[in-house]
Amino acid sequence: YSDDELYKLTIVDDEIIGHLTIRFI
């Protein structure tokens, strides 16, 4: 997927805490 097809995001503090994706449908 291209970056504008699937937005891949990570939430961090001092380390990685979580992750998710966003896509338009």
PDB file of all heavy atoms in Angstrom:
ATOM      1  N   TYR A   1       0.821  -1.198   0.000  1.00  0.00           N
ATOM      2  CA  TYR A   1       0.000   0.000   0.000  1.00  0.00           C
ATOM      3  C   TYR A   1       0.859   1.253   0.000  1.00  0.00           C
ATOM      4  O   TYR A   1       1.845   1.332   0.720  1.00  0.00           O
ATOM      5  CB  TYR A   1      -0.911   0.025   1.240  1.00  0.00           C
ATOM      6  CG  TYR A   1      -1.790  -1.183   1.340  1.00  0.00           C
ATOM      7  CD1 TYR A   1      -1.406  -2.267   2.113  1.00  0.00           C
ATOM      8  CD2 TYR A   1      -2.985  -1.251   0.632  1.00  0.00           C
ATOM      9  CE1 TYR A   1      -2.215  -3.398   2.201  1.00  0.00           C
ATOM     10  CE2 TYR A   1      -3.795  -2.378   0.710  1.00  0.00           C
ATOM     11  CZ  TYR A   1      -3.396  -3.444   1.494  1.00  0.00           C
ATOM     12  OH  TYR A   1      -4.185  -4.556   1.569  1.00  0.00           O
ATOM     13  N   SER A   2       0.424   2.256  -0.748  1.00  0.00           N
ATOM     14  CA  SER A   2       1.119   3.539  -0.721  1.00  0.00           C
ATOM     15  C   SER A   2       0.771   4.256   0.574  1.00  0.00           C
ATOM     16  O   SER A   2      -0.206   3.909   1.247  1.00  0.00           O
ATOM     17  CB  SER A   2       0.728   4.393  -1.928  1.00  0.00           C
ATOM     18  OG  SER A   2      -0.621   4.804  -1.804  1.00  0.00           O
ATOM     19  N   ASP A   3       1.543   5.286   0.893  1.00  0.00           N
ATOM     20  CA  ASP A   3       1.329   6.020   2.139  1.00  0.00           C
ATOM     21  C   ASP A   3      -0.008   6.749   2.179  1.00  0.00           C
ATOM     22  O   ASP A   3      -0.530   7.012   3.259  1.00  0.00           O
ATOM     23  CB  ASP A   3       2.467   7.018   2.382  1.00  0.00           C
ATOM     24  CG  ASP A   3       3.753   6.317   2.775  1.00  0.00           C
ATOM     25  OD1 ASP A   3       3.700   5.132   3.171  1.00  0.00           O
ATOM     26  OD2 ASP A   3       4.814   6.956   2.695  1.00  0.00           O
ATOM     27  N   ASP A   4      -0.579   7.078   1.018  1.00  0.00           N
ATOM     28  CA  ASP A   4      -1.888   7.738   1.051  1.00  0.00           C
ATOM     29  C   ASP A   4      -3.040   6.742   0.895  1.00  0.00           C
ATOM     30  O   ASP A   4      -4.201   7.132   0.935  1.00  0.00           O
ATOM     31  CB  ASP A   4      -1.977   8.875   0.034  1.00  0.00           C
ATOM     32  CG  ASP A   4      -1.960   8.398  -1.399  1.00  0.00           C
ATOM     33  OD1 ASP A   4      -1.475   7.281  -1.659  1.00  0.00           O
ATOM     34  OD2 ASP A   4      -2.431   9.148  -2.266  1.00  0.00           O
ATOM     35  N   GLU A   5      -2.725   5.458   0.750  1.00  0.00           N
ATOM     36  CA  GLU A   5      -3.751   4.414   0.759  1.00  0.00           C
ATOM     37  C   GLU A   5      -3.942   3.846   2.160  1.00  0.00           C
ATOM     38  O   GLU A   5      -5.050   3.519   2.564  1.00  0.00           O
ATOM     39  CB  GLU A   5      -3.343   3.239  -0.133  1.00  0.00           C
ATOM     40  CG  GLU A   5      -3.504   3.443  -1.600  1.00  0.00           C
ATOM     41  CD  GLU A   5      -3.055   2.203  -2.351  1.00  0.00           C
ATOM     42  OE1 GLU A   5      -1.878   1.813  -2.245  1.00  0.00           O
ATOM     43  OE2 GLU A   5      -3.906   1.617  -3.040  1.00  0.00           O
ATOM     44  N   LEU A   6      -2.823   3.704   2.880  1.00  0.00           N
ATOM     45  CA  LEU A   6      -2.846   3.128   4.218  1.00  0.00           C
ATOM     46  C   LEU A   6      -1.917   3.946   5.102  1.00  0.00           C
ATOM     47  O   LEU A   6      -0.716   3.979   4.889  1.00  0.00           O
ATOM     48  CB  LEU A   6      -2.379   1.667   4.186  1.00  0.00           C
ATOM     49  CG  LEU A   6      -2.523   0.891   5.484  1.00  0.00           C
ATOM     50  CD1 LEU A   6      -3.991   0.658   5.812  1.00  0.00           C
ATOM     51  CD2 LEU A   6      -1.789  -0.441   5.392  1.00  0.00           C
ATOM     52  N   TYR A   7      -2.524   4.638   6.049  1.00  0.00           N
ATOM     53  CA  TYR A   7      -1.749   5.436   7.005  1.00  0.00           C
ATOM     54  C   TYR A   7      -1.389   4.519   8.162  1.00  0.00           C
ATOM     55  O   TYR A   7      -2.270   3.996   8.840  1.00  0.00           O
ATOM     56  CB  TYR A   7      -2.568   6.639   7.495  1.00  0.00           C
ATOM     57  CG  TYR A   7      -2.932   7.588   6.384  1.00  0.00           C
ATOM     58  CD1 TYR A   7      -4.047   7.348   5.584  1.00  0.00           C
ATOM     59  CD2 TYR A   7      -2.150   8.697   6.121  1.00  0.00           C
ATOM     60  CE1 TYR A   7      -4.377   8.207   4.543  1.00  0.00           C
ATOM     61  CE2 TYR A   7      -2.475   9.571   5.089  1.00  0.00           C
ATOM     62  CZ  TYR A   7      -3.585   9.307   4.304  1.00  0.00           C
ATOM     63  OH  TYR A   7      -3.909  10.166   3.272  1.00  0.00           O
ATOM     64  N   LYS A   8      -0.123   4.315   8.357  1.00  0.00           N
ATOM     65  CA  LYS A   8       0.378   3.435   9.405  1.00  0.00           C
ATOM     66  C   LYS A   8       0.926   4.316  10.525  1.00  0.00           C
ATOM     67  O   LYS A   8       1.811   5.136  10.288  1.00  0.00           O
ATOM     68  CB  LYS A   8       1.453   2.508   8.842  1.00  0.00           C
ATOM     69  CG  LYS A   8       0.944   1.679   7.665  1.00  0.00           C
ATOM     70  CD  LYS A   8       2.041   1.047   6.849  1.00  0.00           C
ATOM     71  CE  LYS A   8       2.792   1.978   5.958  1.00  0.00           C
ATOM     72  NZ  LYS A   8       2.133   2.460   4.774  1.00  0.00           N
ATOM     73  N   LEU A   9       0.381   4.162  11.729  1.00  0.00           N
ATOM     74  CA  LEU A   9       0.742   5.047  12.835  1.00  0.00           C
ATOM     75  C   LEU A   9       1.154   4.245  14.060  1.00  0.00           C
ATOM     76  O   LEU A   9       0.637   3.155  14.305  1.00  0.00           O
ATOM     77  CB  LEU A   9      -0.429   5.962  13.180  1.00  0.00           C
ATOM     78  CG  LEU A   9      -0.941   6.838  12.037  1.00  0.00           C
ATOM     79  CD1 LEU A   9      -2.247   7.501  12.424  1.00  0.00           C
ATOM     80  CD2 LEU A   9       0.097   7.868  11.642  1.00  0.00           C
ATOM     81  N   THR A  10       2.052   4.814  14.824  1.00  0.00           N
ATOM     82  CA  THR A  10       2.541   4.206  16.055  1.00  0.00           C
ATOM     83  C   THR A  10       2.477   5.258  17.143  1.00  0.00           C
ATOM     84  O   THR A  10       2.781   6.426  16.901  1.00  0.00           O
ATOM     85  CB  THR A  10       3.998   3.718  15.869  1.00  0.00           C
ATOM     86  OG1 THR A  10       4.029   2.797  14.763  1.00  0.00           O
ATOM     87  CG2 THR A  10       4.515   3.016  17.095  1.00  0.00           C
ATOM     88  N   ILE A  11       2.074   4.852  18.344  1.00  0.00           N
ATOM     89  CA  ILE A  11       2.079   5.768  19.473  1.00  0.00           C
ATOM     90  C   ILE A  11       3.246   5.377  20.382  1.00  0.00           C
ATOM     91  O   ILE A  11       3.459   4.199  20.660  1.00  0.00           O
ATOM     92  CB  ILE A  11       0.718   5.795  20.207  1.00  0.00           C
ATOM     93  CG1 ILE A  11       0.610   7.051  21.072  1.00  0.00           C
ATOM     94  CG2 ILE A  11       0.448   4.535  20.975  1.00  0.00           C
ATOM     95  CD1 ILE A  11      -0.805   7.415  21.471  1.00  0.00           C
ATOM     96  N   VAL A  12       4.017   6.381  20.767  1.00  0.00           N
ATOM     97  CA  VAL A  12       5.243   6.130  21.532  1.00  0.00           C
ATOM     98  C   VAL A  12       5.317   7.045  22.751  1.00  0.00           C
ATOM     99  O   VAL A  12       4.745   8.130  22.773  1.00  0.00           O
ATOM    100  CB  VAL A  12       6.509   6.335  20.669  1.00  0.00           C
ATOM    101  CG1 VAL A  12       6.567   5.334  19.532  1.00  0.00           C
ATOM    102  CG2 VAL A  12       6.596   7.740  20.129  1.00  0.00           C
ATOM    103  N   ASP A  13       6.028   6.566  23.733  1.00  0.00           N
ATOM    104  CA  ASP A  13       6.443   7.352  24.883  1.00  0.00           C
ATOM    105  C   ASP A  13       7.962   7.284  24.789  1.00  0.00           C
ATOM    106  O   ASP A  13       8.518   7.738  23.806  1.00  0.00           O
ATOM    107  CB  ASP A  13       5.894   6.736  26.170  1.00  0.00           C
ATOM    108  CG  ASP A  13       5.971   7.689  27.351  1.00  0.00           C
ATOM    109  OD1 ASP A  13       6.657   8.715  27.233  1.00  0.00           O
ATOM    110  OD2 ASP A  13       5.362   7.399  28.391  1.00  0.00           O
ATOM    111  N   ASP A  14       8.604   6.646  25.717  1.00  0.00           N
ATOM    112  CA  ASP A  14      10.031   6.352  25.540  1.00  0.00           C
ATOM    113  C   ASP A  14      10.201   5.120  24.673  1.00  0.00           C
ATOM    114  O   ASP A  14      11.282   4.831  24.184  1.00  0.00           O
ATOM    115  CB  ASP A  14      10.698   6.117  26.905  1.00  0.00           C
ATOM    116  CG  ASP A  14      10.731   7.388  27.734  1.00  0.00           C
ATOM    117  OD1 ASP A  14      10.779   8.478  27.140  1.00  0.00           O
ATOM    118  OD2 ASP A  14      10.702   7.277  28.974  1.00  0.00           O
ATOM    119  N   GLU A  15       9.131   4.378  24.515  1.00  0.00           N
ATOM    120  CA  GLU A  15       9.123   3.152  23.715  1.00  0.00           C
ATOM    121  C   GLU A  15       7.804   3.074  22.959  1.00  0.00           C
ATOM    122  O   GLU A  15       6.890   3.853  23.203  1.00  0.00           O
ATOM    123  CB  GLU A  15       9.307   1.939  24.626  1.00  0.00           C
ATOM    124  CG  GLU A  15       8.212   1.826  25.682  1.00  0.00           C
ATOM    125  CD  GLU A  15       8.495   0.769  26.724  1.00  0.00           C
ATOM    126  OE1 GLU A  15       9.279  -0.138  26.466  1.00  0.00           O
ATOM    127  OE2 GLU A  15       7.904   0.856  27.807  1.00  0.00           O
ATOM    128  N   ILE A  16       7.708   2.111  22.076  1.00  0.00           N
ATOM    129  CA  ILE A  16       6.481   1.910  21.307  1.00  0.00           C
ATOM    130  C   ILE A  16       5.412   1.339  22.241  1.00  0.00           C
ATOM    131  O   ILE A  16       5.649   0.352  22.935  1.00  0.00           O
ATOM    132  CB  ILE A  16       6.725   0.942  20.131  1.00  0.00           C
ATOM    133  CG1 ILE A  16       7.770   1.531  19.186  1.00  0.00           C
ATOM    134  CG2 ILE A  16       5.430   0.652  19.395  1.00  0.00           C
ATOM    135  CD1 ILE A  16       8.287   0.536  18.183  1.00  0.00           C
ATOM    136  N   ILE A  17       4.252   1.972  22.257  1.00  0.00           N
ATOM    137  CA  ILE A  17       3.149   1.573  23.131  1.00  0.00           C
ATOM    138  C   ILE A  17       2.028   0.911  22.332  1.00  0.00           C
ATOM    139  O   ILE A  17       1.394  -0.020  22.794  1.00  0.00           O
ATOM    140  CB  ILE A  17       2.564   2.799  23.871  1.00  0.00           C
ATOM    141  CG1 ILE A  17       3.632   3.547  24.649  1.00  0.00           C
ATOM    142  CG2 ILE A  17       1.386   2.406  24.742  1.00  0.00           C
ATOM    143  CD1 ILE A  17       4.117   2.853  25.880  1.00  0.00           C
ATOM    144  N   GLY A  18       1.764   1.416  21.118  1.00  0.00           N
ATOM    145  CA  GLY A  18       0.660   0.898  20.326  1.00  0.00           C
ATOM    146  C   GLY A  18       0.801   1.228  18.855  1.00  0.00           C
ATOM    147  O   GLY A  18       1.699   1.972  18.453  1.00  0.00           O
ATOM    148  N   HIS A  19      -0.105   0.675  18.074  1.00  0.00           N
ATOM    149  CA  HIS A  19      -0.035   0.804  16.630  1.00  0.00           C
ATOM    150  C   HIS A  19      -1.433   0.643  16.039  1.00  0.00           C
ATOM    151  O   HIS A  19      -2.274  -0.055  16.611  1.00  0.00           O
ATOM    152  CB  HIS A  19       0.894  -0.283  16.081  1.00  0.00           C
ATOM    153  CG  HIS A  19       0.831  -0.451  14.608  1.00  0.00           C
ATOM    154  ND1 HIS A  19       1.342   0.476  13.729  1.00  0.00           N
ATOM    155  CD2 HIS A  19       0.302  -1.439  13.843  1.00  0.00           C
ATOM    156  CE1 HIS A  19       1.136   0.048  12.489  1.00  0.00           C
ATOM    157  NE2 HIS A  19       0.508  -1.097  12.538  1.00  0.00           N
ATOM    158  N   LEU A  20      -1.675   1.280  14.907  1.00  0.00           N
ATOM    159  CA  LEU A  20      -2.902   1.082  14.137  1.00  0.00           C
ATOM    160  C   LEU A  20      -2.722   1.602  12.730  1.00  0.00           C
ATOM    161  O   LEU A  20      -1.719   2.251  12.419  1.00  0.00           O
ATOM    162  CB  LEU A  20      -4.115   1.737  14.809  1.00  0.00           C
ATOM    163  CG  LEU A  20      -4.095   3.231  15.165  1.00  0.00           C
ATOM    164  CD1 LEU A  20      -4.116   4.133  13.972  1.00  0.00           C
ATOM    165  CD2 LEU A  20      -5.273   3.554  16.050  1.00  0.00           C
ATOM    166  N   THR A  21      -3.709   1.325  11.902  1.00  0.00           N
ATOM    167  CA  THR A  21      -3.715   1.844  10.537  1.00  0.00           C
ATOM    168  C   THR A  21      -5.023   2.586  10.289  1.00  0.00           C
ATOM    169  O   THR A  21      -6.025   2.361  10.980  1.00  0.00           O
ATOM    170  CB  THR A  21      -3.581   0.721   9.483  1.00  0.00           C
ATOM    171  OG1 THR A  21      -4.696  -0.161   9.598  1.00  0.00           O
ATOM    172  CG2 THR A  21      -2.276  -0.035   9.646  1.00  0.00           C
ATOM    173  N   ILE A  22      -4.987   3.472   9.304  1.00  0.00           N
ATOM    174  CA  ILE A  22      -6.171   4.206   8.863  1.00  0.00           C
ATOM    175  C   ILE A  22      -6.191   4.134   7.340  1.00  0.00           C
ATOM    176  O   ILE A  22      -5.163   4.328   6.692  1.00  0.00           O
ATOM    177  CB  ILE A  22      -6.121   5.692   9.290  1.00  0.00           C
ATOM    178  CG1 ILE A  22      -5.962   5.823  10.799  1.00  0.00           C
ATOM    179  CG2 ILE A  22      -7.364   6.433   8.788  1.00  0.00           C
ATOM    180  CD1 ILE A  22      -5.608   7.229  11.268  1.00  0.00           C
ATOM    181  N   ARG A  23      -7.366   3.856   6.797  1.00  0.00           N
ATOM    182  CA  ARG A  23      -7.528   3.878   5.336  1.00  0.00           C
ATOM    183  C   ARG A  23      -8.892   4.451   5.012  1.00  0.00           C
ATOM    184  O   ARG A  23      -9.822   4.366   5.823  1.00  0.00           O
ATOM    185  CB  ARG A  23      -7.373   2.493   4.731  1.00  0.00           C
ATOM    186  CG  ARG A  23      -8.427   1.504   5.153  1.00  0.00           C
ATOM    187  CD  ARG A  23      -8.163   0.097   4.596  1.00  0.00           C
ATOM    188  NE  ARG A  23      -9.049  -0.864   5.195  1.00  0.00           N
ATOM    189  CZ  ARG A  23     -10.242  -1.201   4.724  1.00  0.00           C
ATOM    190  NH1 ARG A  23     -10.703  -0.635   3.619  1.00  0.00           N
ATOM    191  NH2 ARG A  23     -10.981  -2.096   5.342  1.00  0.00           N
ATOM    192  N   PHE A  24      -9.000   5.071   3.862  1.00  0.00           N
ATOM    193  CA  PHE A  24     -10.290   5.595   3.419  1.00  0.00           C
ATOM    194  C   PHE A  24     -11.049   4.487   2.707  1.00  0.00           C
ATOM    195  O   PHE A  24     -10.457   3.701   1.954  1.00  0.00           O
ATOM    196  CB  PHE A  24     -10.107   6.807   2.503  1.00  0.00           C
ATOM    197  CG  PHE A  24      -9.741   8.043   3.277  1.00  0.00           C
ATOM    198  CD1 PHE A  24      -8.426   8.471   3.354  1.00  0.00           C
ATOM    199  CD2 PHE A  24     -10.718   8.753   3.954  1.00  0.00           C
ATOM    200  CE1 PHE A  24      -8.086   9.597   4.082  1.00  0.00           C
ATOM    201  CE2 PHE A  24     -10.390   9.882   4.691  1.00  0.00           C
ATOM    202  CZ  PHE A  24      -9.068  10.302   4.755  1.00  0.00           C
ATOM    203  N   ILE A  25     -12.347   4.430   2.954  1.00  0.00           N
ATOM    204  CA  ILE A  25     -13.160   3.373   2.354  1.00  0.00           C
ATOM    205  C   ILE A  25     -14.177   3.927   1.360  1.00  0.00           C
ATOM    206  O   ILE A  25     -15.055   3.202   0.914  1.00  0.00           O
ATOM    207  CB  ILE A  25     -13.846   2.505   3.426  1.00  0.00           C
ATOM    208  CG1 ILE A  25     -14.739   3.336   4.343  1.00  0.00           C
ATOM    209  CG2 ILE A  25     -12.806   1.739   4.226  1.00  0.00           C
ATOM    210  CD1 ILE A  25     -15.574   2.509   5.325  1.00  0.00           C
TER     211      ILE A  25
END
